[in-house]
Amino acid sequence: MKVTLFATCLVDMFQGDVGKAAVEVLERLGCDIDFPESQICCGQPAYNSGYVEESKNAMKKMITAFEHAEYVVSPSGSCAYMFKEYPEVFKDDPVWEPKAKALADKTYEFTEFIVNVLKVEDVGAHLEGKATYHTSCHMTRLLGVKEAPMKLLRHVKGLQYIELPGKDRCCGFGGTFSVKMGNISGQMVDEKVLNVEETEADILIGADAGCLINIGGRIERQGKPIKVMHIAEVLNCR
């Protein structure tokens, strides 16, 4: 099966190991991976800030970059969902709406692809520790991916899972929200860190780089002994 990786800006610039882990997991599951070097930002920051017209050029570049793909897989529910928004952005455009719809239809979040397309729940991962999982807003509420990460984590040998209190609450990142509303965002992430501490987990797992950078940054600044891992890194542990 041919899979084209949509790495996302945050993974590309800040969390390269997450992208590598995602590729290695998918390759072990029999996928042939390619990475279009022409991929750029999906346009979400501008789009969510109300600059819809200004974001279209970036979107067109992404549609073109992935036009050849059989499946597009991303280690970010938020960015994967942005591709699902493209058909609405280009609605009634005779050229770009069909292309946008084709891209949306073949795009999957990383865990969603493994469970729902590859039909795999046990990837052979092994990680000793006590872990909790942060459910990111866009991935669960908008993209609707809720069960796939849990199914995969339940099969990680040696991993003890503890439910995160207040898991349905935002961590305070929200893209540009954390910049525009810094004080509120700070209080939200402080609450999230307290919830993580309540579980007494050694590891915080998530599936979106933005959330993990936000929560992980707060954990590091507070000197908490909690390791932060993307689910792709967890599933790549042997």
Protein backbone atom coordinates (compact mmCIF):
# COMPACT_ATOMS: atom_id res chain seq x y z
CA MET A 1 0.00 0.00 0.00
CA LYS A 2 1.40 3.40 -0.98
CA VAL A 3 1.17 6.09 1.70
CA THR A 4 2.14 9.73 1.36
CA LEU A 5 3.19 11.39 4.60
CA PHE A 6 1.75 14.81 5.46
CA ALA A 7 4.26 15.64 8.18
CA THR A 8 2.83 19.05 9.27
CA CYS A 9 4.85 22.17 10.11
CA LEU A 10 5.29 21.45 13.82
CA VAL A 11 6.58 17.93 13.23
CA ASP A 12 8.84 19.08 10.41
CA MET A 13 10.35 21.97 12.38
CA PHE A 14 10.21 20.86 16.02
CA GLN A 15 9.45 17.13 16.33
CA GLY A 16 11.29 15.37 13.53
CA ASP A 17 11.49 12.18 15.60
CA VAL A 18 7.68 11.95 15.50
CA GLY A 19 7.72 11.95 11.71
CA LYS A 20 10.46 9.31 11.65
CA ALA A 21 8.55 7.14 14.13
CA ALA A 22 5.37 7.36 12.05
CA VAL A 23 7.27 6.31 8.92
CA GLU A 24 8.96 3.40 10.68
CA VAL A 25 5.69 2.09 12.13
CA LEU A 26 3.92 2.30 8.77
CA GLU A 27 6.82 0.64 6.96
CA ARG A 28 6.78 -2.26 9.41
CA LEU A 29 3.07 -2.63 8.63
CA GLY A 30 3.91 -3.05 4.95
CA CYS A 31 3.38 0.48 3.64
CA ASP A 32 5.53 2.11 0.96
CA ILE A 33 6.07 5.71 2.13
CA ASP A 34 6.80 8.82 0.10
CA PHE A 35 7.25 12.41 1.24
CA PRO A 36 6.52 15.28 -1.17
CA GLU A 37 9.15 17.93 -0.46
CA SER A 38 6.85 20.57 -1.95
CA GLN A 39 4.45 20.32 1.02
CA ILE A 40 4.15 23.49 3.10
CA CYS A 41 1.76 24.82 5.75
CA CYS A 42 -1.82 23.61 5.22
CA GLY A 43 -3.09 27.17 5.79
CA GLN A 44 -4.82 26.48 9.09
CA PRO A 45 -3.33 29.37 11.16
CA ALA A 46 -4.40 31.96 8.58
CA TYR A 47 -7.75 30.26 7.94
CA ASN A 48 -8.65 30.05 11.64
CA SER A 49 -7.72 33.71 12.04
CA GLY A 50 -10.26 34.69 9.41
CA TYR A 51 -7.88 35.16 6.48
CA VAL A 52 -9.70 32.72 4.23
CA GLU A 53 -8.78 34.23 0.87
CA GLU A 54 -5.17 34.70 1.93
CA SER A 55 -4.92 31.03 2.94
CA LYS A 56 -6.08 29.69 -0.42
CA ASN A 57 -2.67 29.89 -2.11
CA ALA A 58 -1.15 27.62 0.55
CA MET A 59 -4.09 25.24 0.23
CA LYS A 60 -3.71 25.04 -3.54
CA LYS A 61 -0.02 24.20 -3.14
CA MET A 62 -0.91 21.40 -0.74
CA ILE A 63 -3.63 20.02 -3.02
CA THR A 64 -1.10 19.92 -5.85
CA ALA A 65 1.62 18.38 -3.66
CA PHE A 66 -0.63 15.46 -2.68
CA GLU A 67 -2.55 15.04 -5.93
CA HIS A 68 -0.61 11.90 -6.81
CA ALA A 69 -1.18 10.20 -3.45
CA GLU A 70 -3.15 6.99 -2.93
CA TYR A 71 -3.49 7.63 0.82
CA VAL A 72 -2.41 10.71 2.78
CA VAL A 73 -1.52 10.05 6.42
CA SER A 74 -0.70 12.66 9.05
CA PRO A 75 0.51 12.35 12.67
CA SER A 76 -1.82 15.22 13.57
CA GLY A 77 -5.60 15.11 13.81
CA SER A 78 -5.78 18.89 13.67
CA CYS A 79 -3.88 19.20 10.38
CA ALA A 80 -5.61 16.15 8.88
CA TYR A 81 -8.94 17.79 9.65
CA MET A 82 -7.83 20.95 7.87
CA PHE A 83 -7.68 18.95 4.64
CA LYS A 84 -11.30 17.96 5.32
CA GLU A 85 -12.18 21.68 5.34
CA TYR A 86 -10.76 22.30 1.88
CA PRO A 87 -13.89 21.29 -0.08
CA GLU A 88 -15.93 23.90 1.81
CA VAL A 89 -13.26 26.55 1.23
CA PHE A 90 -13.32 25.89 -2.52
CA LYS A 91 -17.06 25.28 -2.78
CA ASP A 92 -18.44 26.09 -6.27
CA ASP A 93 -14.93 26.48 -7.69
CA PRO A 94 -15.10 24.26 -10.81
CA VAL A 95 -11.36 23.55 -10.79
CA TRP A 96 -10.37 23.35 -7.14
CA GLU A 97 -13.46 21.93 -5.40
CA PRO A 98 -13.16 18.47 -7.04
CA LYS A 99 -9.44 18.39 -6.29
CA ALA A 100 -10.04 19.46 -2.69
CA LYS A 101 -12.68 16.77 -2.22
CA ALA A 102 -10.37 14.11 -3.63
CA LEU A 103 -7.67 15.11 -1.14
CA ALA A 104 -10.10 15.20 1.79
CA ASP A 105 -11.45 11.75 0.95
CA LYS A 106 -8.03 10.08 0.99
CA THR A 107 -6.62 11.80 4.09
CA TYR A 108 -6.35 10.01 7.44
CA GLU A 109 -4.92 10.71 10.86
CA PHE A 110 -2.10 8.28 11.74
CA THR A 111 -3.93 6.06 14.27
CA GLU A 112 -7.16 6.21 12.27
CA PHE A 113 -5.33 4.88 9.22
CA ILE A 114 -3.70 2.00 11.11
CA VAL A 115 -6.92 0.83 12.78
CA ASN A 116 -9.56 1.60 10.16
CA VAL A 117 -7.68 1.13 6.89
CA LEU A 118 -4.88 -1.32 7.68
CA LYS A 119 -7.17 -3.12 10.18
CA VAL A 120 -4.35 -3.46 12.73
CA GLU A 121 -4.69 -2.92 16.48
CA ASP A 122 -1.46 -4.54 17.71
CA VAL A 123 1.67 -3.15 16.06
CA GLY A 124 4.00 -5.15 18.31
CA ALA A 125 5.01 -2.20 20.49
CA HIS A 126 6.55 -2.67 23.95
CA LEU A 127 6.99 0.16 26.46
CA GLU A 128 7.26 -0.26 30.21
CA GLY A 129 5.58 2.47 32.26
CA LYS A 130 2.44 4.06 33.58
CA ALA A 131 0.82 6.35 31.01
CA THR A 132 -2.13 8.65 30.46
CA TYR A 133 -3.46 10.04 27.18
CA HIS A 134 -4.48 13.59 26.22
CA THR A 135 -7.34 13.71 23.71
CA SER A 136 -6.79 16.73 21.48
CA CYS A 137 -9.84 18.83 20.59
CA HIS A 138 -9.66 18.88 16.79
CA MET A 139 -8.90 15.18 16.53
CA THR A 140 -11.79 14.06 18.72
CA ARG A 141 -14.45 16.74 18.27
CA LEU A 142 -13.98 17.66 14.62
CA LEU A 143 -12.24 14.73 12.95
CA GLY A 144 -14.11 12.25 15.15
CA VAL A 145 -11.14 9.99 15.87
CA LYS A 146 -11.67 8.72 19.43
CA GLU A 147 -11.32 4.95 19.63
CA ALA A 148 -8.35 4.28 17.34
CA PRO A 149 -5.64 5.60 19.71
CA MET A 150 -7.13 3.69 22.63
CA LYS A 151 -7.28 0.43 20.67
CA LEU A 152 -3.60 0.76 19.78
CA LEU A 153 -2.45 1.76 23.27
CA ARG A 154 -4.29 -1.16 24.85
CA HIS A 155 -2.04 -3.52 22.88
CA VAL A 156 1.28 -1.91 23.89
CA LYS A 157 2.98 -4.53 26.04
CA GLY A 158 4.18 -3.32 29.45
CA LEU A 159 2.15 -0.11 29.35
CA GLN A 160 -0.25 0.57 32.19
CA TYR A 161 -2.95 3.03 31.10
CA ILE A 162 -4.68 5.47 33.46
CA GLU A 163 -7.62 7.63 32.32
CA LEU A 164 -6.87 11.35 32.36
CA PRO A 165 -9.31 13.42 34.47
CA GLY A 166 -10.88 16.23 32.45
CA LYS A 167 -9.67 14.62 29.23
CA ASP A 168 -12.38 16.45 27.28
CA ARG A 169 -10.95 19.85 28.24
CA CYS A 170 -8.69 21.85 25.94
CA CYS A 171 -5.03 22.13 26.95
CA GLY A 172 -5.04 25.82 26.07
CA PHE A 173 -3.01 25.61 22.87
CA GLY A 174 -5.65 26.14 20.18
CA GLY A 175 -3.08 27.41 17.69
CA THR A 176 -3.20 31.21 17.64
CA PHE A 177 -5.43 31.17 20.77
CA SER A 178 -2.37 30.54 22.93
CA VAL A 179 -0.74 33.64 21.43
CA LYS A 180 -3.75 35.96 21.48
CA MET A 181 -5.08 34.81 24.87
CA GLY A 182 -1.86 33.96 26.65
CA ASN A 183 -3.08 34.41 30.22
CA ILE A 184 -6.17 32.25 29.74
CA SER A 185 -4.16 29.67 27.81
CA GLY A 186 -1.63 29.52 30.63
CA GLN A 187 -4.30 28.77 33.20
CA MET A 188 -5.78 26.07 30.98
CA VAL A 189 -2.47 24.27 30.52
CA ASP A 190 -1.75 24.55 34.26
CA GLU A 191 -5.03 22.74 34.91
CA LYS A 192 -4.09 20.09 32.35
CA VAL A 193 -0.72 19.49 34.02
CA LEU A 194 -2.44 19.11 37.40
CA ASN A 195 -4.77 16.52 35.86
CA VAL A 196 -1.79 14.63 34.47
CA GLU A 197 -0.10 14.69 37.88
CA GLU A 198 -3.27 13.34 39.48
CA THR A 199 -2.90 10.12 37.48
CA GLU A 200 0.66 9.63 38.81
CA ALA A 201 1.65 8.64 35.28
CA ASP A 202 5.28 8.53 34.16
CA ILE A 203 4.34 9.26 30.56
CA LEU A 204 1.90 11.65 28.90
CA ILE A 205 0.89 10.48 25.44
CA GLY A 206 -0.85 12.56 22.77
CA ALA A 207 -1.46 12.54 19.03
CA ASP A 208 -1.04 16.22 18.13
CA ALA A 209 2.31 18.00 18.18
CA GLY A 210 0.76 21.36 19.11
CA CYS A 211 -0.86 20.01 22.27
CA LEU A 212 2.26 18.08 23.24
CA ILE A 213 4.54 21.07 22.75
CA ASN A 214 2.18 23.19 24.85
CA ILE A 215 1.71 20.72 27.72
CA GLY A 216 5.26 19.42 27.50
CA GLY A 217 6.67 22.94 27.67
CA ARG A 218 4.72 23.64 30.85
CA ILE A 219 5.78 20.32 32.39
CA GLU A 220 9.43 21.06 31.60
CA ARG A 221 9.29 24.62 32.99
CA GLN A 222 7.72 23.31 36.20
CA GLY A 223 10.36 20.60 36.51
CA LYS A 224 7.88 17.73 36.57
CA PRO A 225 9.32 14.19 36.08
CA ILE A 226 6.83 13.30 33.34
CA LYS A 227 7.94 12.15 29.89
CA VAL A 228 5.91 13.47 26.95
CA MET A 229 5.55 11.22 23.89
CA HIS A 230 3.63 11.30 20.64
CA ILE A 231 1.65 8.11 20.07
CA ALA A 232 3.74 7.38 16.97
CA GLU A 233 6.85 7.24 19.20
CA VAL A 234 5.07 4.93 21.65
CA LEU A 235 4.00 2.58 18.87
CA ASN A 236 7.56 2.56 17.53
CA CYS A 237 9.00 1.26 20.82
CA ARG A 238 10.19 -2.34 20.56
